[in-house]
Protein backbone atom coordinates (compact mmCIF):
# COMPACT_ATOMS: atom_id res chain seq x y z
CA UNK A 1 75.07 0.55 25.75
CA UNK A 2 74.27 1.31 22.30
CA UNK A 3 71.88 -1.10 20.36
CA UNK A 4 73.41 -2.47 17.16
CA UNK A 5 72.10 -0.51 14.20
CA UNK A 6 70.37 -3.72 12.60
CA UNK A 7 67.99 -3.82 15.82
CA UNK A 8 67.41 -0.30 16.08
CA UNK A 9 66.18 -0.15 12.30
CA UNK A 10 64.58 -3.31 12.54
CA UNK A 11 67.21 -4.82 10.21
CA UNK A 12 66.71 -1.76 7.44
CA UNK A 13 69.43 0.38 6.04
CA UNK A 14 69.48 3.55 7.73
CA UNK A 15 68.06 5.47 4.61
CA UNK A 16 65.18 3.25 4.29
CA UNK A 17 64.56 3.47 8.39
CA UNK A 18 64.52 7.29 7.99
CA UNK A 19 62.54 7.38 4.98
CA UNK A 20 59.60 5.49 6.96
CA UNK A 21 59.68 7.41 9.92
CA UNK A 22 60.17 10.76 7.78
CA UNK A 23 57.77 10.23 5.00
CA UNK A 24 58.20 12.56 2.14
CA UNK A 25 55.85 15.41 2.02
CA UNK A 26 52.41 14.93 -0.14
CA UNK A 27 52.51 15.70 -3.64
CA UNK A 28 50.44 18.54 -4.79
CA UNK A 29 46.52 17.99 -4.75
CA UNK A 30 43.91 18.65 -7.09
CA UNK A 31 41.38 21.71 -5.97
CA UNK A 32 39.00 18.88 -5.97
CA UNK A 33 40.82 16.76 -3.59
CA UNK A 34 41.64 19.84 -1.27
CA UNK A 35 38.13 20.41 -1.09
CA UNK A 36 37.00 16.90 -0.25
CA UNK A 37 39.57 16.85 2.68
CA UNK A 38 38.34 20.44 3.80
CA UNK A 39 34.78 18.92 3.97
CA UNK A 40 35.74 15.58 5.45
CA UNK A 41 37.53 17.51 8.04
CA UNK A 42 34.64 19.79 8.83
CA UNK A 43 32.32 16.84 9.04
CA UNK A 44 34.37 15.25 11.42
CA UNK A 45 34.61 18.19 13.34
CA UNK A 46 30.83 18.57 13.51
CA UNK A 47 30.45 15.11 14.36
CA UNK A 48 32.50 15.10 17.21
CA UNK A 49 31.16 18.40 18.63
CA UNK A 50 27.70 16.98 18.37
CA UNK A 51 28.90 13.70 20.18
CA UNK A 52 30.41 15.78 22.84
CA UNK A 53 27.17 17.82 23.37
CA UNK A 54 25.02 14.40 23.34
CA UNK A 55 27.37 13.08 26.11
CA UNK A 56 26.87 16.40 28.27
CA UNK A 57 23.16 16.09 27.97
CA UNK A 58 23.31 12.58 28.86
CA UNK A 59 25.35 13.47 31.91
CA UNK A 60 23.07 16.25 33.20
CA UNK A 61 19.85 14.02 32.41
CA UNK A 62 21.76 10.70 33.65
CA UNK A 63 18.66 9.89 35.58
CA UNK A 64 16.06 10.03 32.74
CA UNK A 65 18.63 8.37 30.64
CA UNK A 66 19.01 5.37 32.95
CA UNK A 67 14.99 5.05 32.96
CA UNK A 68 14.96 4.72 29.53
CA UNK A 69 17.84 2.22 29.29
CA UNK A 70 16.10 0.40 31.77
CA UNK A 71 12.98 0.09 29.75
CA UNK A 72 14.83 -0.40 26.44
CA UNK A 73 16.65 -3.47 28.26
CA UNK A 74 13.13 -4.68 29.56
CA UNK A 75 11.78 -4.91 25.95
CA UNK A 76 14.85 -5.74 23.64
CA UNK A 77 16.80 -8.61 23.48
CA UNK A 78 20.48 -7.68 24.44
CA UNK A 79 21.51 -9.34 21.38
CA UNK A 80 19.45 -7.24 19.09
CA UNK A 81 20.83 -4.03 20.84
CA UNK A 82 24.41 -5.62 20.46
CA UNK A 83 23.94 -6.00 16.80
CA UNK A 84 22.18 -2.81 16.22
CA UNK A 85 25.44 -0.99 17.97
CA UNK A 86 27.92 -3.32 15.72
CA UNK A 87 25.97 -1.90 12.61
CA UNK A 88 26.37 1.55 13.69
CA UNK A 89 29.88 1.34 14.90
CA UNK A 90 31.22 -0.97 12.09
CA UNK A 91 33.09 0.70 9.14
CA UNK A 92 33.01 -1.97 6.32
CA UNK A 93 35.22 -1.50 3.37
CA UNK A 94 33.32 0.17 0.72
CA UNK A 95 33.57 -1.69 -2.68
CA UNK A 96 34.28 0.47 -5.80
CA UNK A 97 31.15 0.92 -8.14
CA UNK A 98 27.64 1.75 -7.88
CA UNK A 99 25.22 -0.72 -6.31
CA UNK A 100 22.12 0.68 -8.36
CA UNK A 101 19.84 -1.16 -6.08
CA UNK A 102 21.18 0.16 -2.89
CA UNK A 103 20.89 3.75 -4.28
CA UNK A 104 16.94 2.92 -5.20
CA UNK A 105 16.96 1.85 -1.78
CA UNK A 106 18.42 5.03 -0.08
CA UNK A 107 16.01 7.55 -2.49
CA UNK A 108 13.11 5.34 -1.63
CA UNK A 109 13.30 5.31 2.01
CA UNK A 110 14.46 9.17 2.08
CA UNK A 111 11.22 9.90 0.17
CA UNK A 112 8.84 7.59 2.12
CA UNK A 113 10.37 7.45 5.56
CA UNK A 114 11.71 11.16 6.09
CA UNK A 115 10.11 13.36 3.45
CA UNK A 116 6.57 11.87 3.36
CA UNK A 117 6.25 11.84 7.08
CA UNK A 118 7.20 15.78 7.38
CA UNK A 119 4.34 16.48 4.61
CA UNK A 120 1.86 14.39 6.60
CA UNK A 121 2.72 16.10 10.09
CA UNK A 122 2.52 19.32 8.19
CA UNK A 123 -0.83 18.75 6.60
CA UNK A 124 -2.13 17.53 10.23
CA UNK A 125 -0.99 20.49 11.80
CA UNK A 126 -2.37 22.54 9.12
CA UNK A 127 -5.87 21.12 9.45
CA UNK A 128 -5.83 21.48 13.12
CA UNK A 129 -5.14 25.27 12.54
CA UNK A 130 -8.00 25.76 10.22
CA UNK A 131 -10.34 23.97 12.71
CA UNK A 132 -8.80 26.44 15.53
CA UNK A 133 -9.28 29.59 13.27
CA UNK A 134 -12.82 28.71 12.73
CA UNK A 135 -13.51 28.23 16.42
CA UNK A 136 -13.96 24.32 16.16
CA UNK A 137 -12.01 23.72 19.19
CA UNK A 138 -13.22 20.03 19.16
CA UNK A 139 -12.03 19.05 15.98
CA UNK A 140 -8.81 20.99 16.27
CA UNK A 141 -7.93 18.94 19.50
CA UNK A 142 -9.17 15.63 17.94
CA UNK A 143 -6.62 16.36 15.11
CA UNK A 144 -3.89 16.72 17.26
CA UNK A 145 -4.93 13.76 19.63
CA UNK A 146 -4.80 11.53 16.82
CA UNK A 147 -1.22 12.65 16.20
CA UNK A 148 -0.77 11.66 19.98
CA UNK A 149 -2.49 8.35 19.55
CA UNK A 150 -0.12 6.03 17.76
CA UNK A 151 2.61 6.68 20.53
CA UNK A 152 0.42 6.40 23.43
CA UNK A 153 -1.14 2.89 22.11
CA UNK A 154 2.87 1.59 21.82
CA UNK A 155 3.92 3.05 24.98
CA UNK A 156 1.13 1.11 26.94
CA UNK A 157 1.54 -1.74 24.80
CA UNK A 158 5.11 -1.93 25.70
CA UNK A 159 4.53 -1.33 29.27
CA UNK A 160 2.20 -4.30 29.52
CA UNK A 161 4.55 -6.57 27.79
CA UNK A 162 7.53 -5.55 29.85
CA UNK A 163 5.75 -5.83 33.02
CA UNK A 164 3.60 -8.96 32.41
CA UNK A 165 5.06 -10.96 29.73
CA UNK A 166 9.00 -10.40 29.22
CA UNK A 167 10.77 -13.06 30.96
CA UNK A 168 14.41 -13.76 32.00
CA UNK A 169 15.81 -16.99 32.57
CA UNK A 170 12.21 -18.31 32.15
CA UNK A 171 10.97 -16.33 35.01
CA UNK A 172 9.33 -12.96 34.97
CA UNK A 173 10.90 -10.03 36.29
CA UNK A 174 9.30 -9.01 39.52
CA UNK A 175 7.39 -5.54 39.48
CA UNK A 176 8.73 -3.15 41.58
CA UNK A 177 8.39 0.58 42.40
CA UNK A 178 11.33 1.66 40.34
CA UNK A 179 10.12 -0.20 37.28
CA UNK A 180 6.61 1.04 37.49
CA UNK A 181 8.09 4.80 37.53
CA UNK A 182 10.28 4.07 34.63
CA UNK A 183 7.28 2.69 32.32
CA UNK A 184 5.16 5.59 33.70
CA UNK A 185 7.92 7.77 32.36
CA UNK A 186 7.36 5.99 28.97
CA UNK A 187 3.94 6.23 28.76
CA UNK A 188 3.89 9.92 29.56
CA UNK A 189 6.97 10.95 27.37
CA UNK A 190 7.00 8.58 24.49
CA UNK A 191 3.84 9.59 22.64
CA UNK A 192 4.93 13.26 22.55
CA UNK A 193 8.48 12.04 21.12
CA UNK A 194 6.82 9.71 18.74
CA UNK A 195 6.47 11.68 15.64
CA UNK A 196 10.23 12.90 16.04
CA UNK A 197 11.48 9.12 16.70
CA UNK A 198 9.68 7.90 13.52
CA UNK A 199 11.93 10.72 11.70
CA UNK A 200 15.13 9.85 13.56
CA UNK A 201 14.71 6.37 12.81
CA UNK A 202 14.50 6.93 9.14
CA UNK A 203 17.19 9.12 9.27
CA UNK A 204 19.43 6.56 11.08
CA UNK A 205 18.52 4.14 8.50
CA UNK A 206 19.31 6.17 5.45
CA UNK A 207 22.43 7.50 7.13
CA UNK A 208 23.67 4.01 7.70
CA UNK A 209 23.02 3.06 4.26
CA UNK A 210 25.04 5.96 2.90
CA UNK A 211 27.89 5.35 5.19
CA UNK A 212 28.25 1.59 5.09
CA UNK A 213 27.30 1.15 1.64
CA UNK A 214 25.86 -2.32 1.98
CA UNK A 215 22.37 -3.82 2.91
CA UNK A 216 23.10 -4.89 6.44
CA UNK A 217 21.07 -1.97 7.98
CA UNK A 218 18.06 -2.66 5.51
CA UNK A 219 18.04 -6.04 6.42
CA UNK A 220 18.45 -5.61 10.29
CA UNK A 221 15.98 -2.53 10.76
CA UNK A 222 13.82 -2.53 7.62
CA UNK A 223 11.06 -5.16 8.45
CA UNK A 224 10.78 -4.15 12.08
CA UNK A 225 11.08 -0.64 11.54
CA UNK A 226 7.98 -1.00 9.07
CA UNK A 227 6.12 -2.50 11.95
CA UNK A 228 7.25 0.10 14.34
CA UNK A 229 5.68 2.91 11.60
CA UNK A 230 2.85 0.94 10.81
CA UNK A 231 1.06 2.09 14.20
CA UNK A 232 1.30 5.80 12.84
CA UNK A 233 -0.39 4.57 9.46
CA UNK A 234 -3.43 2.86 10.83
CA UNK A 235 -4.00 4.58 14.37
CA UNK A 236 -3.29 8.10 12.97
CA UNK A 237 -3.94 8.16 9.33
CA UNK A 238 -6.77 6.11 9.60
CA UNK A 239 -8.66 7.99 12.23
CA UNK A 240 -7.60 11.38 10.48
CA UNK A 241 -9.19 10.33 7.22
CA UNK A 242 -12.24 9.38 9.06
CA UNK A 243 -12.40 12.91 11.05
CA UNK A 244 -11.81 15.05 8.01
CA UNK A 245 -14.07 13.16 5.71
CA UNK A 246 -16.64 13.42 8.59
CA UNK A 247 -16.17 17.20 8.88
CA UNK A 248 -16.70 17.82 4.97
CA UNK A 249 -19.79 15.53 5.19
CA UNK A 250 -21.73 17.22 7.67
CA UNK A 251 -21.47 20.50 6.03
CA UNK A 252 -22.16 23.86 7.19
CA UNK A 253 -25.21 22.66 10.02
CA UNK A 254 -22.69 21.69 12.63
CA UNK A 255 -20.07 24.00 14.41
CA UNK A 256 -20.05 26.78 12.52
CA UNK A 257 -18.66 24.52 9.65
CA UNK A 258 -18.18 25.07 5.93
CA UNK A 259 -20.87 27.14 4.14
CA UNK A 260 -21.47 25.01 0.77
CA UNK A 261 -24.36 27.40 -0.06
CA UNK A 262 -21.99 30.46 0.39
CA UNK A 263 -18.41 29.52 -0.55
CA UNK A 264 -15.82 32.42 0.41
CA UNK A 265 -11.97 32.28 0.09
CA UNK A 266 -11.60 31.25 3.86
CA UNK A 267 -13.93 28.24 3.05
CA UNK A 268 -12.15 27.24 -0.27
CA UNK A 269 -8.83 27.28 1.83
CA UNK A 270 -10.25 25.10 4.28
CA UNK A 271 -11.47 22.65 1.70
CA UNK A 272 -8.40 22.44 0.11
CA UNK A 273 -6.51 21.48 3.06
CA UNK A 274 -8.86 19.16 4.50
CA UNK A 275 -8.97 17.38 1.15
CA UNK A 276 -5.20 17.20 0.93
CA UNK A 277 -5.08 16.13 4.61
CA UNK A 278 -7.48 13.12 3.65
CA UNK A 279 -5.69 12.30 0.33
CA UNK A 280 -2.23 12.28 2.39
CA UNK A 281 -3.92 9.94 4.78
CA UNK A 282 -5.08 7.58 2.40
CA UNK A 283 -1.97 7.29 0.72
CA UNK A 284 -0.24 6.66 3.87
CA UNK A 285 -2.45 4.07 5.18
CA UNK A 286 -2.44 2.33 1.83
CA UNK A 287 1.14 2.52 1.91
CA UNK A 288 1.55 1.19 5.00
CA UNK A 289 -0.70 -1.66 4.55
CA UNK A 290 0.99 -2.62 1.23
CA UNK A 291 4.50 -2.29 3.02
CA UNK A 292 4.02 -4.55 6.36
CA UNK A 293 1.52 -7.06 5.00
CA UNK A 294 4.41 -8.81 2.98
CA UNK A 295 5.89 -12.25 3.30
CA UNK A 296 8.26 -12.71 6.50
CA UNK A 297 10.13 -16.07 5.91
CA UNK A 298 11.85 -15.96 9.03
CA UNK A 299 13.98 -19.33 9.55
CA UNK A 300 12.47 -19.43 13.05
CA UNK A 301 8.96 -19.72 12.03
CA UNK A 302 7.11 -22.97 12.93
CA UNK A 303 5.42 -22.96 9.64
CA UNK A 304 7.93 -21.72 6.84
CA UNK A 305 7.22 -19.11 4.02
CA UNK A 306 8.46 -19.07 0.61
CA UNK A 307 7.94 -15.62 -0.91
CA UNK A 308 9.20 -16.94 -4.11
CA UNK A 309 6.16 -19.26 -4.74
CA UNK A 310 3.68 -16.45 -5.26
CA UNK A 311 6.00 -13.94 -7.21
CA UNK A 312 4.21 -11.14 -8.89
CA UNK A 313 0.79 -12.40 -8.02
CA UNK A 314 1.30 -11.55 -4.26
CA UNK A 315 2.35 -7.75 -5.00
CA UNK A 316 -0.96 -7.16 -7.49
CA UNK A 317 -3.44 -8.66 -5.23
CA UNK A 318 -2.14 -7.27 -1.96
CA UNK A 319 -2.40 -3.82 -3.75
CA UNK A 320 -5.90 -4.23 -4.85
CA UNK A 321 -7.18 -5.79 -1.33
CA UNK A 322 -5.19 -3.28 0.84
CA UNK A 323 -6.67 0.02 -1.43
CA UNK A 324 -10.16 -1.35 -1.55
CA UNK A 325 -10.52 -2.49 1.90
CA UNK A 326 -8.92 0.95 3.30
CA UNK A 327 -11.44 2.91 1.33
CA UNK A 328 -14.57 0.81 2.00
CA UNK A 329 -13.85 0.84 5.79
CA UNK A 330 -12.76 4.49 6.33
CA UNK A 331 -15.44 5.86 4.13
CA UNK A 332 -18.14 3.83 5.83
CA UNK A 333 -16.68 4.93 9.23
CA UNK A 334 -16.99 8.71 8.47
CA UNK A 335 -20.82 7.88 7.05
CA UNK A 336 -21.36 6.14 10.26
CA UNK A 337 -20.32 9.07 12.49
CA UNK A 338 -22.82 11.63 10.47
CA UNK A 339 -25.87 9.26 10.67
CA UNK A 340 -25.32 6.63 13.59
CA UNK A 341 -23.29 9.26 16.02
CA UNK A 342 -22.32 7.53 19.13
CA UNK A 343 -23.51 4.19 18.15
CA UNK A 344 -20.50 4.06 15.42
CA UNK A 345 -18.46 3.30 18.54
CA UNK A 346 -20.33 -0.06 19.08
CA UNK A 347 -19.27 -0.83 15.71
CA UNK A 348 -15.49 -0.49 16.04
CA UNK A 349 -15.75 -2.06 19.49
CA UNK A 350 -17.51 -5.23 17.87
CA UNK A 351 -15.08 -5.20 15.24
CA UNK A 352 -12.02 -5.18 17.66
CA UNK A 353 -13.53 -7.84 19.91
CA UNK A 354 -14.18 -10.12 16.54
CA UNK A 355 -10.57 -9.81 15.94
CA UNK A 356 -9.15 -10.43 19.50
CA UNK A 357 -11.58 -13.37 19.65
CA UNK A 358 -10.27 -15.09 16.66
CA UNK A 359 -6.35 -14.07 17.57
CA UNK A 360 -7.26 -15.77 21.20
CA UNK A 361 -8.47 -18.82 19.42
CA UNK A 362 -5.52 -19.39 17.63
CA UNK A 363 -3.08 -18.69 20.68
CA UNK A 364 -2.03 -15.05 20.15
CA UNK A 365 -0.61 -13.45 23.43
CA UNK A 366 -2.54 -10.33 24.99
CA UNK A 367 -0.27 -7.40 23.33
CA UNK A 368 -0.90 -9.02 19.97
CA UNK A 369 -4.59 -9.26 20.19
CA UNK A 370 -4.56 -5.68 21.41
CA UNK A 371 -2.21 -4.27 18.56
CA UNK A 372 -3.26 -6.25 15.68
CA UNK A 373 -6.89 -6.45 16.75
CA UNK A 374 -6.66 -2.56 16.67
CA UNK A 375 -5.16 -1.85 13.44
CA UNK A 376 -7.10 -4.77 11.85
CA UNK A 377 -10.30 -2.87 12.13
CA UNK A 378 -8.64 -0.63 9.18
CA UNK A 379 -7.42 -3.71 7.16
CA UNK A 380 -6.24 -7.21 8.27
CA UNK A 381 -2.59 -6.79 9.46
CA UNK A 382 -0.07 -9.30 10.97
CA UNK A 383 -1.39 -12.61 9.35
CA UNK A 384 2.17 -12.95 7.74
CA UNK A 385 4.26 -11.95 10.45
CA UNK A 386 6.91 -13.45 12.62
CA UNK A 387 7.00 -10.90 15.04
CA UNK A 388 5.86 -7.45 15.43
CA UNK A 389 8.51 -4.72 15.38
CA UNK A 390 11.00 -7.22 16.72
CA UNK A 391 9.49 -7.43 20.07
CA UNK A 392 6.09 -9.23 20.16
CA UNK A 393 6.09 -12.95 18.98
CA UNK A 394 3.23 -13.62 16.25
CA UNK A 395 4.36 -16.71 14.34
CA UNK A 396 0.80 -17.92 12.89
CA UNK A 397 0.64 -21.05 11.14
CA UNK A 398 -1.14 -21.51 7.89
CA UNK A 399 -4.18 -22.40 9.52
CA UNK A 400 -3.78 -19.71 11.85
CA UNK A 401 -3.25 -17.06 9.18
CA UNK A 402 -6.29 -17.96 7.09
CA UNK A 403 -8.47 -18.00 10.23
CA UNK A 404 -7.21 -14.39 11.11
CA UNK A 405 -6.93 -12.92 7.62
CA UNK A 406 -10.49 -14.11 6.42
CA UNK A 407 -12.40 -13.74 9.60
CA UNK A 408 -10.58 -9.95 9.81
CA UNK A 409 -11.87 -9.29 6.41
CA UNK A 410 -15.19 -10.96 6.16
CA UNK A 411 -16.66 -10.64 9.74
CA UNK A 412 -15.58 -7.21 10.20
CA UNK A 413 -16.84 -6.25 6.71
CA UNK A 414 -20.31 -8.05 7.74
CA UNK A 415 -20.44 -5.84 10.81
CA UNK A 416 -19.61 -2.80 8.41
CA UNK A 417 -22.68 -4.00 5.89
CA UNK A 418 -24.71 -4.01 9.04
CA UNK A 419 -24.19 -0.62 9.93
CA UNK A 420 -24.70 0.64 6.14
CA UNK A 421 -27.86 -1.37 6.49
CA UNK A 422 -29.11 0.30 9.76
CA UNK A 423 -28.77 3.73 8.17
CA UNK A 424 -30.95 2.86 5.42
CA UNK A 425 -33.55 1.48 7.20
CA UNK A 426 -33.44 4.75 9.67
CA UNK A 427 -33.68 6.91 6.34
CA UNK A 428 -36.59 4.94 5.03
CA UNK A 429 -38.39 5.31 8.54
CA UNK A 430 -37.22 8.87 8.39
CA UNK A 431 -35.66 8.65 11.88
CA UNK A 432 -32.32 9.95 10.54
CA UNK A 433 -30.66 12.84 12.52
CA UNK A 434 -31.54 16.35 11.20
CA UNK A 435 -27.96 17.15 10.31
CA UNK A 436 -27.88 17.88 6.64
CA UNK A 437 -25.34 16.55 4.27
CA UNK A 438 -23.27 19.35 2.45
CA UNK A 439 -26.36 21.42 2.38
CA UNK A 440 -28.71 19.20 1.04
CA UNK A 441 -32.21 21.25 1.49
CA UNK A 442 -34.82 18.96 2.36
CA UNK A 443 -34.85 15.27 3.47
CA UNK A 444 -36.02 13.76 0.03
CA UNK A 445 -32.68 14.78 -1.09
CA UNK A 446 -30.99 13.35 1.80
CA UNK A 447 -32.78 10.16 1.38
CA UNK A 448 -31.55 10.20 -2.22
CA UNK A 449 -27.87 10.62 -0.83
CA UNK A 450 -28.43 7.76 1.67
CA UNK A 451 -29.66 5.40 -0.96
CA UNK A 452 -26.75 6.51 -3.16
CA UNK A 453 -23.90 5.86 -0.63
CA UNK A 454 -25.59 2.55 0.32
CA UNK A 455 -25.50 1.31 -2.96
CA UNK A 456 -21.85 2.22 -3.13
CA UNK A 457 -20.75 0.91 0.11
CA UNK A 458 -22.42 -2.44 -0.47
CA UNK A 459 -20.80 -2.69 -4.00
CA UNK A 460 -17.37 -1.65 -2.40
CA UNK A 461 -18.03 -4.22 0.32
CA UNK A 462 -18.79 -7.00 -1.81
CA UNK A 463 -16.18 -6.26 -4.23
CA UNK A 464 -13.62 -5.95 -1.06
CA UNK A 465 -14.95 -9.47 0.13
CA UNK A 466 -14.18 -11.19 -3.24
CA UNK A 467 -10.53 -9.60 -3.06
CA UNK A 468 -10.01 -10.94 0.14
CA UNK A 469 -10.56 -14.86 -1.22
CA UNK A 470 -8.58 -13.86 -4.16
CA UNK A 471 -5.66 -12.81 -1.95
CA UNK A 472 -5.74 -15.47 0.02
CA UNK A 473 -6.49 -18.43 -2.35
CA UNK A 474 -4.39 -16.93 -5.34
CA UNK A 475 -1.54 -15.36 -3.51
CA UNK A 476 -0.87 -15.76 0.49
CA UNK A 477 -2.09 -19.53 0.52
CA UNK A 478 1.13 -20.18 -1.93
CA UNK A 479 3.53 -19.05 0.56
CA UNK A 480 2.89 -21.98 2.93
CA UNK A 481 3.35 -24.55 0.16
CA UNK A 482 6.38 -26.70 0.49
CA UNK A 483 8.97 -26.14 -1.96
CA UNK A 484 8.73 -28.66 -4.87
CA UNK A 485 12.09 -30.80 -4.47
CA UNK A 486 13.76 -32.61 -7.80
CA UNK A 487 13.45 -36.19 -7.52
CA UNK A 488 17.20 -36.50 -7.03
CA UNK A 489 16.89 -34.78 -3.78
CA UNK A 490 14.23 -37.31 -2.36
CA UNK A 491 15.89 -39.27 0.51
CA UNK A 492 13.75 -42.37 0.15
CA UNK A 493 10.29 -43.33 -1.56
CA UNK A 494 7.55 -45.29 0.01
CA UNK A 495 5.40 -47.40 -2.32
CA UNK A 496 2.75 -50.09 -1.79
CA UNK A 497 2.44 -53.17 -4.04
CA UNK A 498 0.00 -55.63 -3.72
CA UNK A 499 -0.60 -54.49 -0.18
CA UNK A 500 3.14 -54.83 0.84
CA UNK A 501 5.10 -51.76 1.83
CA UNK A 502 8.50 -51.25 0.03
CA UNK A 503 10.92 -48.71 0.98
CA UNK A 504 13.60 -47.71 -1.43
CA UNK A 505 16.47 -46.05 -0.22
CA UNK A 506 18.05 -43.22 -2.21
CA UNK A 507 19.97 -44.27 -5.10
CA UNK A 508 21.02 -40.78 -6.58
CA UNK A 509 24.68 -41.80 -6.31
CA UNK A 510 24.18 -45.32 -7.90
């Protein structure tokens, strides 16, 4: 039995129904639209091909993928992973027009998180090549080790957190041989992949910003990704700065180093490479310190921060403090390694224990003490955080932030002053190592060099201490001040007249 025409066509006339199911051919398109469609088709084809290849690789290496997934699920909350998946999958409607601030962020992140990282890695490997070329295997392997170090520290910290502190339903998950094997794989493999992972995360963020045309990826990933990348700045750029500065300081008297009395083309090239590596390391760690030590007004904090209360003052004092702190501490470390040799490790260990003890007193967990205590050797870090890299809760109160910031500034500065004073005492007693600085011909010239460095470092350290006090009392403390409410917003006022307390209810509606 045939259906009525009105039902088969949905109530439309035959001509209208035919037009809906057989739309007319597209109108002639411009060359630009044809090229745009062709490019879009090509991109979709490449994406589908890449997804297929990734799927094949995941099927081929399913065991490793399962291990990685198990570790990730141990470390990151399921809600966080789900939100990341939503941000990647979602295709929000792109509003017409140009969001200048969004494109500024895209350009800035492309430069700072992708291009600069490539340059930084290149300079590290170039410096290692210069050392290997001169036969300095120790310096070459140390340079490469510091590229490996941030990933090693992160993987160890993640493993400790996942095995000992991660809890589900209020109880810690049992430690089994299977979980230990997963985390062992993470410790061995993750440090090798860490530099690549940093670049890939930067590419992912920039790609999402371009595809979505909104600020959701930046809001979700920006702050935590800064903390994740901060390990590279503090545990790779800091040691690299110290190592390459030390190599330039000791001159030609150690391991066939640079001969400053007879500079040839190879020496000039090596000086240029090491100097550029030092400069990039300094810029990287200063940029990282300024970027991560910013207000973190998370609504879940115990004691709220209001970043608007400090305004421009915080940015100015933050730049001055971090740039001065890093220069003083890293330059001093290179200086200590020249004259105090292995005793410099005692100075570093004392600074770490000092930072860890202060954080223990204000209630920080062991992973937080380990991570923030380590990187705060170079510059105080973490005093404003709600959590670290979206994984480890920090959440210091105003009092805890003040204790950690000022102690990791002033106490560590004092430890560094003691190291500078020790070098000066050894110089006056003529007990310095015989290693000469940049080819100084005799001990008298070396004593002049030590005196000059002592004066410069003491002056820089005193300036740093003043900057620390200024940064706290002029900027950071303002973040924790309660927002001043208007009188109309006060729910009630307590007054005392002649010893009698009177409570006036809010009469703003009267």
